[in-house]
Amino acid sequence: MGSSLFRNRHWYYRTLFDDYYGREARFSMMIAGFIWIPHYCYGIHLNREVEVNYAHKVYHLEYGPRRNRLCHSLCFEEFDMVLEKWMDLEDEYAAKGDEMFEGVEEIRLDEETRDF
């Protein structure tokens, strides 16, 4: 069956509500609480910060290479588009020659109007 000390809360109620024995026990619990509660609250916040930091590291390790590959692919895709436009422009110039520039006004930049 077991004793009443471990099977119910008799010791807890006796500690808190007995005036003769409870004074010392309440005082010791109060001291322990004043020591333990700030550490517990600090641990909650510290644990949260550690978890968030770890989550950011895992996200970076997991998705960082994917994002780099995606960016690299997009840069090369943009380069291919610019290159295709340039080659089309060269083909058009080879076909038409200087006729491409008819009707285009000459643009002159004076020293005052340059934007560097």
PDB file of N, CA and C in Angstrom:
ATOM      1  N   MET A   1       0.820  -1.199   0.000  1.00  0.00           N
ATOM      2  CA  MET A   1       0.000   0.000   0.000  1.00  0.00           C
ATOM      3  C   MET A   1       0.852   1.246   0.000  1.00  0.00           C
ATOM      4  N   GLY A   2       1.836   1.321   0.839  1.00  0.00           N
ATOM      5  CA  GLY A   2       2.648   2.519   0.917  1.00  0.00           C
ATOM      6  C   GLY A   2       2.210   3.421   2.048  1.00  0.00           C
ATOM      7  N   SER A   3       3.062   4.273   2.421  1.00  0.00           N
ATOM      8  CA  SER A   3       2.734   5.161   3.531  1.00  0.00           C
ATOM      9  C   SER A   3       2.019   6.404   3.037  1.00  0.00           C
ATOM     10  N   SER A   4       1.436   7.118   3.962  1.00  0.00           N
ATOM     11  CA  SER A   4       0.709   8.334   3.592  1.00  0.00           C
ATOM     12  C   SER A   4       1.655   9.441   3.158  1.00  0.00           C
ATOM     13  N   LEU A   5       2.943   9.279   3.445  1.00  0.00           N
ATOM     14  CA  LEU A   5       3.908  10.313   3.080  1.00  0.00           C
ATOM     15  C   LEU A   5       4.072  10.409   1.562  1.00  0.00           C
ATOM     16  N   PHE A   6       3.976   9.287   0.872  1.00  0.00           N
ATOM     17  CA  PHE A   6       4.206   9.282  -0.568  1.00  0.00           C
ATOM     18  C   PHE A   6       2.934   9.133  -1.389  1.00  0.00           C
ATOM     19  N   ARG A   7       1.809   8.731  -0.752  1.00  0.00           N
ATOM     20  CA  ARG A   7       0.603   8.442  -1.531  1.00  0.00           C
ATOM     21  C   ARG A   7      -0.383   9.609  -1.553  1.00  0.00           C
ATOM     22  N   ASN A   8      -0.229  10.580  -0.701  1.00  0.00           N
ATOM     23  CA  ASN A   8      -1.118  11.739  -0.761  1.00  0.00           C
ATOM     24  C   ASN A   8      -0.327  12.999  -0.427  1.00  0.00           C
ATOM     25  N   ARG A   9      -1.036  14.085  -0.291  1.00  0.00           N
ATOM     26  CA  ARG A   9      -0.370  15.362  -0.077  1.00  0.00           C
ATOM     27  C   ARG A   9      -0.365  15.787   1.388  1.00  0.00           C
ATOM     28  N   HIS A  10      -0.406  14.853   2.267  1.00  0.00           N
ATOM     29  CA  HIS A  10      -0.455  15.164   3.689  1.00  0.00           C
ATOM     30  C   HIS A  10       0.753  15.999   4.116  1.00  0.00           C
ATOM     31  N   TRP A  11       1.920  15.614   3.656  1.00  0.00           N
ATOM     32  CA  TRP A  11       3.128  16.330   4.060  1.00  0.00           C
ATOM     33  C   TRP A  11       3.114  17.760   3.540  1.00  0.00           C
ATOM     34  N   TYR A  12       2.548  17.965   2.349  1.00  0.00           N
ATOM     35  CA  TYR A  12       2.502  19.301   1.769  1.00  0.00           C
ATOM     36  C   TYR A  12       1.552  20.193   2.571  1.00  0.00           C
ATOM     37  N   TYR A  13       0.344  19.685   2.837  1.00  0.00           N
ATOM     38  CA  TYR A  13      -0.617  20.470   3.597  1.00  0.00           C
ATOM     39  C   TYR A  13      -0.121  20.711   5.023  1.00  0.00           C
ATOM     40  N   ARG A  14       0.505  19.703   5.599  1.00  0.00           N
ATOM     41  CA  ARG A  14       1.024  19.875   6.967  1.00  0.00           C
ATOM     42  C   ARG A  14       2.115  20.933   6.979  1.00  0.00           C
ATOM     43  N   THR A  15       2.943  20.950   5.932  1.00  0.00           N
ATOM     44  CA  THR A  15       4.017  21.918   5.861  1.00  0.00           C
ATOM     45  C   THR A  15       3.487  23.346   5.766  1.00  0.00           C
ATOM     46  N   LEU A  16       2.453  23.535   4.960  1.00  0.00           N
ATOM     47  CA  LEU A  16       1.970  24.887   4.723  1.00  0.00           C
ATOM     48  C   LEU A  16       0.999  25.384   5.788  1.00  0.00           C
ATOM     49  N   PHE A  17       0.208  24.497   6.373  1.00  0.00           N
ATOM     50  CA  PHE A  17      -0.872  24.942   7.240  1.00  0.00           C
ATOM     51  C   PHE A  17      -0.657  24.672   8.724  1.00  0.00           C
ATOM     52  N   ASP A  18       0.364  23.932   9.095  1.00  0.00           N
ATOM     53  CA  ASP A  18       0.623  23.691  10.500  1.00  0.00           C
ATOM     54  C   ASP A  18       1.456  24.847  11.045  1.00  0.00           C
ATOM     55  N   ASP A  19       0.937  25.536  12.040  1.00  0.00           N
ATOM     56  CA  ASP A  19       1.629  26.710  12.561  1.00  0.00           C
ATOM     57  C   ASP A  19       2.900  26.366  13.316  1.00  0.00           C
ATOM     58  N   TYR A  20       2.930  25.220  13.952  1.00  0.00           N
ATOM     59  CA  TYR A  20       4.108  24.891  14.745  1.00  0.00           C
ATOM     60  C   TYR A  20       5.263  24.434  13.839  1.00  0.00           C
ATOM     61  N   TYR A  21       4.973  23.489  12.947  1.00  0.00           N
ATOM     62  CA  TYR A  21       6.018  22.959  12.079  1.00  0.00           C
ATOM     63  C   TYR A  21       6.156  23.801  10.810  1.00  0.00           C
ATOM     64  N   GLY A  22       5.080  24.469  10.430  1.00  0.00           N
ATOM     65  CA  GLY A  22       5.050  25.131   9.140  1.00  0.00           C
ATOM     66  C   GLY A  22       5.880  26.382   9.028  1.00  0.00           C
ATOM     67  N   ARG A  23       6.176  27.017  10.134  1.00  0.00           N
ATOM     68  CA  ARG A  23       6.950  28.263  10.047  1.00  0.00           C
ATOM     69  C   ARG A  23       8.307  28.038   9.401  1.00  0.00           C
ATOM     70  N   GLU A  24       9.022  27.059   9.886  1.00  0.00           N
ATOM     71  CA  GLU A  24      10.344  26.791   9.322  1.00  0.00           C
ATOM     72  C   GLU A  24      10.253  26.270   7.895  1.00  0.00           C
ATOM     73  N   ALA A  25       9.279  25.414   7.672  1.00  0.00           N
ATOM     74  CA  ALA A  25       9.138  24.855   6.316  1.00  0.00           C
ATOM     75  C   ALA A  25       8.737  25.937   5.324  1.00  0.00           C
ATOM     76  N   ARG A  26       7.795  26.801   5.701  1.00  0.00           N
ATOM     77  CA  ARG A  26       7.400  27.891   4.802  1.00  0.00           C
ATOM     78  C   ARG A  26       8.570  28.837   4.553  1.00  0.00           C
ATOM     79  N   PHE A  27       9.332  29.094   5.605  1.00  0.00           N
ATOM     80  CA  PHE A  27      10.488  29.974   5.442  1.00  0.00           C
ATOM     81  C   PHE A  27      11.512  29.359   4.484  1.00  0.00           C
ATOM     82  N   SER A  28      11.762  28.066   4.624  1.00  0.00           N
ATOM     83  CA  SER A  28      12.722  27.409   3.721  1.00  0.00           C
ATOM     84  C   SER A  28      12.186  27.361   2.295  1.00  0.00           C
ATOM     85  N   MET A  29      10.870  27.113   2.139  1.00  0.00           N
ATOM     86  CA  MET A  29      10.282  27.129   0.788  1.00  0.00           C
ATOM     87  C   MET A  29      10.340  28.526   0.186  1.00  0.00           C
ATOM     88  N   MET A  30      10.132  29.542   1.021  1.00  0.00           N
ATOM     89  CA  MET A  30      10.191  30.906   0.521  1.00  0.00           C
ATOM     90  C   MET A  30      11.609  31.236   0.044  1.00  0.00           C
ATOM     91  N   ILE A  31      12.606  30.857   0.806  1.00  0.00           N
ATOM     92  CA  ILE A  31      13.991  31.108   0.387  1.00  0.00           C
ATOM     93  C   ILE A  31      14.307  30.351  -0.899  1.00  0.00           C
ATOM     94  N   ALA A  32      13.888  29.095  -0.946  1.00  0.00           N
ATOM     95  CA  ALA A  32      14.129  28.305  -2.155  1.00  0.00           C
ATOM     96  C   ALA A  32      13.415  28.920  -3.352  1.00  0.00           C
ATOM     97  N   GLY A  33      12.191  29.418  -3.105  1.00  0.00           N
ATOM     98  CA  GLY A  33      11.442  30.041  -4.198  1.00  0.00           C
ATOM     99  C   GLY A  33      12.104  31.317  -4.691  1.00  0.00           C
ATOM    100  N   PHE A  34      12.586  32.136  -3.748  1.00  0.00           N
ATOM    101  CA  PHE A  34      13.268  33.363  -4.167  1.00  0.00           C
ATOM    102  C   PHE A  34      14.545  33.074  -4.942  1.00  0.00           C
ATOM    103  N   ILE A  35      15.168  31.969  -4.639  1.00  0.00           N
ATOM    104  CA  ILE A  35      16.372  31.591  -5.383  1.00  0.00           C
ATOM    105  C   ILE A  35      16.010  30.926  -6.707  1.00  0.00           C
ATOM    106  N   TRP A  36      14.966  30.073  -6.671  1.00  0.00           N
ATOM    107  CA  TRP A  36      14.669  29.241  -7.830  1.00  0.00           C
ATOM    108  C   TRP A  36      13.857  29.968  -8.901  1.00  0.00           C
ATOM    109  N   ILE A  37      12.893  30.780  -8.515  1.00  0.00           N
ATOM    110  CA  ILE A  37      11.983  31.410  -9.493  1.00  0.00           C
ATOM    111  C   ILE A  37      12.726  32.317 -10.478  1.00  0.00           C
ATOM    112  N   PRO A  38      13.647  33.183 -10.058  1.00  0.00           N
ATOM    113  CA  PRO A  38      14.368  33.983 -11.068  1.00  0.00           C
ATOM    114  C   PRO A  38      15.200  33.125 -12.021  1.00  0.00           C
ATOM    115  N   HIS A  39      15.805  32.060 -11.482  1.00  0.00           N
ATOM    116  CA  HIS A  39      16.554  31.164 -12.356  1.00  0.00           C
ATOM    117  C   HIS A  39      15.625  30.468 -13.345  1.00  0.00           C
ATOM    118  N   TYR A  40      14.446  30.093 -12.883  1.00  0.00           N
ATOM    119  CA  TYR A  40      13.475  29.445 -13.759  1.00  0.00           C
ATOM    120  C   TYR A  40      13.019  30.400 -14.860  1.00  0.00           C
ATOM    121  N   CYS A  41      12.690  31.625 -14.492  1.00  0.00           N
ATOM    122  CA  CYS A  41      12.249  32.605 -15.503  1.00  0.00           C
ATOM    123  C   CYS A  41      13.374  32.915 -16.484  1.00  0.00           C
ATOM    124  N   TYR A  42      14.595  33.064 -15.969  1.00  0.00           N
ATOM    125  CA  TYR A  42      15.731  33.307 -16.855  1.00  0.00           C
ATOM    126  C   TYR A  42      15.936  32.120 -17.791  1.00  0.00           C
ATOM    127  N   GLY A  43      15.776  30.920 -17.249  1.00  0.00           N
ATOM    128  CA  GLY A  43      15.940  29.726 -18.073  1.00  0.00           C
ATOM    129  C   GLY A  43      14.903  29.629 -19.164  1.00  0.00           C
ATOM    130  N   ILE A  44      13.673  30.065 -18.874  1.00  0.00           N
ATOM    131  CA  ILE A  44      12.625  30.050 -19.903  1.00  0.00           C
ATOM    132  C   ILE A  44      13.035  30.940 -21.074  1.00  0.00           C
ATOM    133  N   HIS A  45      13.453  32.162 -20.776  1.00  0.00           N
ATOM    134  CA  HIS A  45      13.820  33.090 -21.842  1.00  0.00           C
ATOM    135  C   HIS A  45      15.100  32.649 -22.547  1.00  0.00           C
ATOM    136  N   LEU A  46      16.055  32.163 -21.780  1.00  0.00           N
ATOM    137  CA  LEU A  46      17.297  31.700 -22.397  1.00  0.00           C
ATOM    138  C   LEU A  46      17.037  30.500 -23.291  1.00  0.00           C
ATOM    139  N   ASN A  47      16.200  29.575 -22.834  1.00  0.00           N
ATOM    140  CA  ASN A  47      15.878  28.406 -23.642  1.00  0.00           C
ATOM    141  C   ASN A  47      15.183  28.829 -24.932  1.00  0.00           C
ATOM    142  N   ARG A  48      14.296  29.795 -24.832  1.00  0.00           N
ATOM    143  CA  ARG A  48      13.599  30.289 -26.032  1.00  0.00           C
ATOM    144  C   ARG A  48      14.594  30.904 -27.011  1.00  0.00           C
ATOM    145  N   GLU A  49      15.510  31.716 -26.508  1.00  0.00           N
ATOM    146  CA  GLU A  49      16.506  32.335 -27.390  1.00  0.00           C
ATOM    147  C   GLU A  49      17.399  31.286 -28.039  1.00  0.00           C
ATOM    148  N   VAL A  50      17.766  30.262 -27.272  1.00  0.00           N
ATOM    149  CA  VAL A  50      18.599  29.192 -27.834  1.00  0.00           C
ATOM    150  C   VAL A  50      17.829  28.452 -28.916  1.00  0.00           C
ATOM    151  N   GLU A  51      16.560  28.167 -28.681  1.00  0.00           N
ATOM    152  CA  GLU A  51      15.754  27.468 -29.680  1.00  0.00           C
ATOM    153  C   GLU A  51      15.594  28.296 -30.950  1.00  0.00           C
ATOM    154  N   VAL A  52      15.348  29.586 -30.806  1.00  0.00           N
ATOM    155  CA  VAL A  52      15.192  30.442 -31.982  1.00  0.00           C
ATOM    156  C   VAL A  52      16.503  30.518 -32.755  1.00  0.00           C
ATOM    157  N   ASN A  53      17.611  30.669 -32.045  1.00  0.00           N
ATOM    158  CA  ASN A  53      18.909  30.725 -32.699  1.00  0.00           C
ATOM    159  C   ASN A  53      19.193  29.424 -33.443  1.00  0.00           C
ATOM    160  N   TYR A  54      18.898  28.300 -32.815  1.00  0.00           N
ATOM    161  CA  TYR A  54      19.118  27.002 -33.454  1.00  0.00           C
ATOM    162  C   TYR A  54      18.212  26.843 -34.675  1.00  0.00           C
ATOM    163  N   ALA A  55      16.952  27.308 -34.563  1.00  0.00           N
ATOM    164  CA  ALA A  55      16.039  27.226 -35.702  1.00  0.00           C
ATOM    165  C   ALA A  55      16.561  28.053 -36.874  1.00  0.00           C
ATOM    166  N   HIS A  56      17.114  29.237 -36.591  1.00  0.00           N
ATOM    167  CA  HIS A  56      17.677  30.058 -37.664  1.00  0.00           C
ATOM    168  C   HIS A  56      18.885  29.380 -38.300  1.00  0.00           C
ATOM    169  N   LYS A  57      19.717  28.753 -37.478  1.00  0.00           N
ATOM    170  CA  LYS A  57      20.878  28.060 -38.034  1.00  0.00           C
ATOM    171  C   LYS A  57      20.456  26.889 -38.917  1.00  0.00           C
ATOM    172  N   VAL A  58      19.478  26.122 -38.447  1.00  0.00           N
ATOM    173  CA  VAL A  58      19.008  24.975 -39.227  1.00  0.00           C
ATOM    174  C   VAL A  58      18.374  25.456 -40.529  1.00  0.00           C
ATOM    175  N   TYR A  59      17.578  26.528 -40.466  1.00  0.00           N
ATOM    176  CA  TYR A  59      16.981  27.068 -41.688  1.00  0.00           C
ATOM    177  C   TYR A  59      18.068  27.492 -42.671  1.00  0.00           C
ATOM    178  N   HIS A  60      19.086  28.176 -42.163  1.00  0.00           N
ATOM    179  CA  HIS A  60      20.172  28.623 -43.042  1.00  0.00           C
ATOM    180  C   HIS A  60      20.915  27.430 -43.651  1.00  0.00           C
ATOM    181  N   LEU A  61      21.170  26.420 -42.833  1.00  0.00           N
ATOM    182  CA  LEU A  61      21.880  25.247 -43.348  1.00  0.00           C
ATOM    183  C   LEU A  61      21.039  24.477 -44.353  1.00  0.00           C
ATOM    184  N   GLU A  62      19.720  24.465 -44.146  1.00  0.00           N
ATOM    185  CA  GLU A  62      18.864  23.692 -45.034  1.00  0.00           C
ATOM    186  C   GLU A  62      18.506  24.452 -46.312  1.00  0.00           C
ATOM    187  N   TYR A  63      18.129  25.712 -46.168  1.00  0.00           N
ATOM    188  CA  TYR A  63      17.629  26.467 -47.310  1.00  0.00           C
ATOM    189  C   TYR A  63      18.665  27.402 -47.925  1.00  0.00           C
ATOM    190  N   GLY A  64      19.775  27.645 -47.236  1.00  0.00           N
ATOM    191  CA  GLY A  64      20.789  28.538 -47.782  1.00  0.00           C
ATOM    192  C   GLY A  64      21.350  28.069 -49.116  1.00  0.00           C
ATOM    193  N   PRO A  65      21.786  26.808 -49.229  1.00  0.00           N
ATOM    194  CA  PRO A  65      22.294  26.341 -50.524  1.00  0.00           C
ATOM    195  C   PRO A  65      21.245  26.384 -51.625  1.00  0.00           C
ATOM    196  N   ARG A  66      19.990  26.096 -51.276  1.00  0.00           N
ATOM    197  CA  ARG A  66      18.925  26.163 -52.287  1.00  0.00           C
ATOM    198  C   ARG A  66      18.748  27.592 -52.789  1.00  0.00           C
ATOM    199  N   ARG A  67      18.752  28.522 -51.847  1.00  0.00           N
ATOM    200  CA  ARG A  67      18.586  29.925 -52.244  1.00  0.00           C
ATOM    201  C   ARG A  67      19.764  30.396 -53.083  1.00  0.00           C
ATOM    202  N   ASN A  68      20.978  29.962 -52.726  1.00  0.00           N
ATOM    203  CA  ASN A  68      22.148  30.349 -53.509  1.00  0.00           C
ATOM    204  C   ASN A  68      22.083  29.773 -54.914  1.00  0.00           C
ATOM    205  N   ARG A  69      21.659  28.504 -55.007  1.00  0.00           N
ATOM    206  CA  ARG A  69      21.530  27.906 -56.344  1.00  0.00           C
ATOM    207  C   ARG A  69      20.463  28.613 -57.157  1.00  0.00           C
ATOM    208  N   LEU A  70      19.361  28.962 -56.513  1.00  0.00           N
ATOM    209  CA  LEU A  70      18.296  29.662 -57.219  1.00  0.00           C
ATOM    210  C   LEU A  70      18.774  31.016 -57.719  1.00  0.00           C
ATOM    211  N   CYS A  71      19.452  31.761 -56.864  1.00  0.00           N
ATOM    212  CA  CYS A  71      19.973  33.069 -57.255  1.00  0.00           C
ATOM    213  C   CYS A  71      20.990  32.920 -58.383  1.00  0.00           C
ATOM    214  N   HIS A  72      21.845  31.919 -58.267  1.00  0.00           N
ATOM    215  CA  HIS A  72      22.850  31.672 -59.298  1.00  0.00           C
ATOM    216  C   HIS A  72      22.174  31.347 -60.618  1.00  0.00           C
ATOM    217  N   SER A  73      21.120  30.510 -60.569  1.00  0.00           N
ATOM    218  CA  SER A  73      20.396  30.152 -61.790  1.00  0.00           C
ATOM    219  C   SER A  73      19.708  31.369 -62.390  1.00  0.00           C
ATOM    220  N   LEU A  74      19.119  32.209 -61.547  1.00  0.00           N
ATOM    221  CA  LEU A  74      18.441  33.398 -62.054  1.00  0.00           C
ATOM    222  C   LEU A  74      19.436  34.379 -62.677  1.00  0.00           C
ATOM    223  N   CYS A  75      20.628  34.491 -62.089  1.00  0.00           N
ATOM    224  CA  CYS A  75      21.646  35.366 -62.663  1.00  0.00           C
ATOM    225  C   CYS A  75      22.055  34.869 -64.053  1.00  0.00           C
ATOM    226  N   PHE A  76      22.248  33.559 -64.168  1.00  0.00           N
ATOM    227  CA  PHE A  76      22.609  33.017 -65.470  1.00  0.00           C
ATOM    228  C   PHE A  76      21.465  33.129 -66.464  1.00  0.00           C
ATOM    229  N   GLU A  77      20.234  32.983 -66.002  1.00  0.00           N
ATOM    230  CA  GLU A  77      19.087  33.152 -66.885  1.00  0.00           C
ATOM    231  C   GLU A  77      19.023  34.590 -67.412  1.00  0.00           C
ATOM    232  N   GLU A  78      19.239  35.554 -66.540  1.00  0.00           N
ATOM    233  CA  GLU A  78      19.265  36.957 -66.960  1.00  0.00           C
ATOM    234  C   GLU A  78      20.397  37.203 -67.953  1.00  0.00           C
ATOM    235  N   PHE A  79      21.557  36.612 -67.677  1.00  0.00           N
ATOM    236  CA  PHE A  79      22.682  36.761 -68.599  1.00  0.00           C
ATOM    237  C   PHE A  79      22.343  36.176 -69.965  1.00  0.00           C
ATOM    238  N   ASP A  80      21.694  35.012 -69.990  1.00  0.00           N
ATOM    239  CA  ASP A  80      21.306  34.403 -71.270  1.00  0.00           C
ATOM    240  C   ASP A  80      20.320  35.294 -72.021  1.00  0.00           C
ATOM    241  N   MET A  81      19.379  35.912 -71.307  1.00  0.00           N
ATOM    242  CA  MET A  81      18.421  36.787 -71.987  1.00  0.00           C
ATOM    243  C   MET A  81      19.121  38.005 -72.587  1.00  0.00           C
ATOM    244  N   VAL A  82      20.020  38.604 -71.836  1.00  0.00           N
ATOM    245  CA  VAL A  82      20.755  39.762 -72.356  1.00  0.00           C
ATOM    246  C   VAL A  82      21.609  39.348 -73.550  1.00  0.00           C
ATOM    247  N   LEU A  83      22.243  38.197 -73.457  1.00  0.00           N
ATOM    248  CA  LEU A  83      23.072  37.711 -74.556  1.00  0.00           C
ATOM    249  C   LEU A  83      22.243  37.447 -75.809  1.00  0.00           C
ATOM    250  N   GLU A  84      21.051  36.861 -75.641  1.00  0.00           N
ATOM    251  CA  GLU A  84      20.184  36.618 -76.797  1.00  0.00           C
ATOM    252  C   GLU A  84      19.751  37.933 -77.441  1.00  0.00           C
ATOM    253  N   LYS A  85      19.402  38.925 -76.639  1.00  0.00           N
ATOM    254  CA  LYS A  85      19.026  40.229 -77.198  1.00  0.00           C
ATOM    255  C   LYS A  85      20.206  40.860 -77.943  1.00  0.00           C
ATOM    256  N   TRP A  86      21.399  40.724 -77.370  1.00  0.00           N
ATOM    257  CA  TRP A  86      22.590  41.279 -78.020  1.00  0.00           C
ATOM    258  C   TRP A  86      22.853  40.580 -79.358  1.00  0.00           C
ATOM    259  N   MET A  87      22.708  39.258 -79.379  1.00  0.00           N
ATOM    260  CA  MET A  87      22.934  38.517 -80.630  1.00  0.00           C
ATOM    261  C   MET A  87      21.875  38.878 -81.671  1.00  0.00           C
ATOM    262  N   ASP A  88      20.612  39.057 -81.234  1.00  0.00           N
ATOM    263  CA  ASP A  88      19.570  39.504 -82.158  1.00  0.00           C
ATOM    264  C   ASP A  88      19.908  40.883 -82.719  1.00  0.00           C
ATOM    265  N   LEU A  89      20.426  41.760 -81.865  1.00  0.00           N
ATOM    266  CA  LEU A  89      20.817  43.093 -82.309  1.00  0.00           C
ATOM    267  C   LEU A  89      21.975  43.015 -83.302  1.00  0.00           C
ATOM    268  N   GLU A  90      22.938  42.144 -83.056  1.00  0.00           N
ATOM    269  CA  GLU A  90      24.048  41.962 -84.008  1.00  0.00           C
ATOM    270  C   GLU A  90      23.551  41.419 -85.343  1.00  0.00           C
ATOM    271  N   ASP A  91      22.626  40.452 -85.282  1.00  0.00           N
ATOM    272  CA  ASP A  91      22.068  39.905 -86.530  1.00  0.00           C
ATOM    273  C   ASP A  91      21.306  40.979 -87.309  1.00  0.00           C
ATOM    274  N   GLU A  92      20.551  41.799 -86.588  1.00  0.00           N
ATOM    275  CA  GLU A  92      19.815  42.877 -87.248  1.00  0.00           C
ATOM    276  C   GLU A  92      20.778  43.890 -87.863  1.00  0.00           C
ATOM    277  N   TYR A  93      21.865  44.215 -87.149  1.00  0.00           N
ATOM    278  CA  TYR A  93      22.849  45.145 -87.685  1.00  0.00           C
ATOM    279  C   TYR A  93      23.551  44.552 -88.905  1.00  0.00           C
ATOM    280  N   ALA A  94      23.824  43.250 -88.858  1.00  0.00           N
ATOM    281  CA  ALA A  94      24.457  42.605 -90.021  1.00  0.00           C
ATOM    282  C   ALA A  94      23.524  42.629 -91.230  1.00  0.00           C
ATOM    283  N   ALA A  95      22.225  42.491 -90.983  1.00  0.00           N
ATOM    284  CA  ALA A  95      21.270  42.480 -92.089  1.00  0.00           C
ATOM    285  C   ALA A  95      21.002  43.890 -92.613  1.00  0.00           C
ATOM    286  N   LYS A  96      20.833  44.865 -91.754  1.00  0.00           N
ATOM    287  CA  LYS A  96      20.438  46.206 -92.179  1.00  0.00           C
ATOM    288  C   LYS A  96      21.610  47.163 -92.306  1.00  0.00           C
ATOM    289  N   GLY A  97      22.630  46.951 -91.513  1.00  0.00           N
ATOM    290  CA  GLY A  97      23.774  47.860 -91.562  1.00  0.00           C
ATOM    291  C   GLY A  97      23.448  49.171 -90.874  1.00  0.00           C
ATOM    292  N   ASP A  98      23.951  50.273 -91.491  1.00  0.00           N
ATOM    293  CA  ASP A  98      23.759  51.599 -90.891  1.00  0.00           C
ATOM    294  C   ASP A  98      22.338  52.120 -91.046  1.00  0.00           C
ATOM    295  N   GLU A  99      21.502  51.408 -91.781  1.00  0.00           N
ATOM    296  CA  GLU A  99      20.104  51.830 -91.923  1.00  0.00           C
ATOM    297  C   GLU A  99      19.358  51.761 -90.583  1.00  0.00           C
ATOM    298  N   MET A 100      19.898  50.973 -89.658  1.00  0.00           N
ATOM    299  CA  MET A 100      19.259  50.864 -88.342  1.00  0.00           C
ATOM    300  C   MET A 100      19.236  52.201 -87.624  1.00  0.00           C
ATOM    301  N   PHE A 101      20.217  53.047 -87.915  1.00  0.00           N
ATOM    302  CA  PHE A 101      20.365  54.285 -87.165  1.00  0.00           C
ATOM    303  C   PHE A 101      19.700  55.477 -87.826  1.00  0.00           C
ATOM    304  N   GLU A 102      18.983  55.244 -88.922  1.00  0.00           N
ATOM    305  CA  GLU A 102      18.276  56.352 -89.562  1.00  0.00           C
ATOM    306  C   GLU A 102      17.119  56.790 -88.679  1.00  0.00           C
ATOM    307  N   GLY A 103      16.982  58.064 -88.551  1.00  0.00           N
ATOM    308  CA  GLY A 103      15.909  58.612 -87.726  1.00  0.00           C
ATOM    309  C   GLY A 103      16.276  58.728 -86.256  1.00  0.00           C
ATOM    310  N   VAL A 104      17.447  58.273 -85.897  1.00  0.00           N
ATOM    311  CA  VAL A 104      17.878  58.377 -84.502  1.00  0.00           C
ATOM    312  C   VAL A 104      18.724  59.637 -84.377  1.00  0.00           C
ATOM    313  N   GLU A 105      18.354  60.479 -83.445  1.00  0.00           N
ATOM    314  CA  GLU A 105      19.107  61.711 -83.265  1.00  0.00           C
ATOM    315  C   GLU A 105      20.413  61.412 -82.540  1.00  0.00           C
ATOM    316  N   GLU A 106      21.402  62.209 -82.885  1.00  0.00           N
ATOM    317  CA  GLU A 106      22.694  62.035 -82.236  1.00  0.00           C
ATOM    318  C   GLU A 106      22.626  62.644 -80.833  1.00  0.00           C
ATOM    319  N   ILE A 107      23.114  61.921 -79.894  1.00  0.00           N
ATOM    320  CA  ILE A 107      23.094  62.379 -78.509  1.00  0.00           C
ATOM    321  C   ILE A 107      24.489  62.825 -78.139  1.00  0.00           C
ATOM    322  N   ARG A 108      24.586  64.060 -77.698  1.00  0.00           N
ATOM    323  CA  ARG A 108      25.871  64.585 -77.253  1.00  0.00           C
ATOM    324  C   ARG A 108      25.782  64.909 -75.782  1.00  0.00           C
ATOM    325  N   LEU A 109      26.784  64.511 -75.082  1.00  0.00           N
ATOM    326  CA  LEU A 109      26.864  64.825 -73.657  1.00  0.00           C
ATOM    327  C   LEU A 109      27.950  65.863 -73.465  1.00  0.00           C
ATOM    328  N   ASP A 110      27.536  67.000 -72.973  1.00  0.00           N
ATOM    329  CA  ASP A 110      28.529  68.020 -72.634  1.00  0.00           C
ATOM    330  C   ASP A 110      29.119  67.701 -71.278  1.00  0.00           C
ATOM    331  N   GLU A 111      30.158  68.413 -70.951  1.00  0.00           N
ATOM    332  CA  GLU A 111      30.820  68.186 -69.661  1.00  0.00           C
ATOM    333  C   GLU A 111      29.881  68.465 -68.492  1.00  0.00           C
ATOM    334  N   GLU A 112      28.957  69.442 -68.621  1.00  0.00           N
ATOM    335  CA  GLU A 112      28.075  69.790 -67.525  1.00  0.00           C
ATOM    336  C   GLU A 112      26.956  68.788 -67.353  1.00  0.00           C
ATOM    337  N   THR A 113      26.562  68.093 -68.414  1.00  0.00           N
ATOM    338  CA  THR A 113      25.395  67.225 -68.346  1.00  0.00           C
ATOM    339  C   THR A 113      25.740  65.778 -68.057  1.00  0.00           C
ATOM    340  N   ARG A 114      26.984  65.460 -67.877  1.00  0.00           N
ATOM    341  CA  ARG A 114      27.344  64.063 -67.606  1.00  0.00           C
ATOM    342  C   ARG A 114      26.958  63.698 -66.160  1.00  0.00           C
ATOM    343  N   ASP A 115      26.405  62.536 -66.034  1.00  0.00           N
ATOM    344  CA  ASP A 115      26.047  62.006 -64.714  1.00  0.00           C
ATOM    345  C   ASP A 115      26.919  60.802 -64.422  1.00  0.00           C
ATOM    346  N   PHE A 116      27.920  61.057 -63.624  1.00  0.00           N
ATOM    347  CA  PHE A 116      28.796  59.948 -63.260  1.00  0.00           C
ATOM    348  C   PHE A 116      28.599  59.660 -61.806  1.00  0.00           C
TER     349      PHE A 116
END
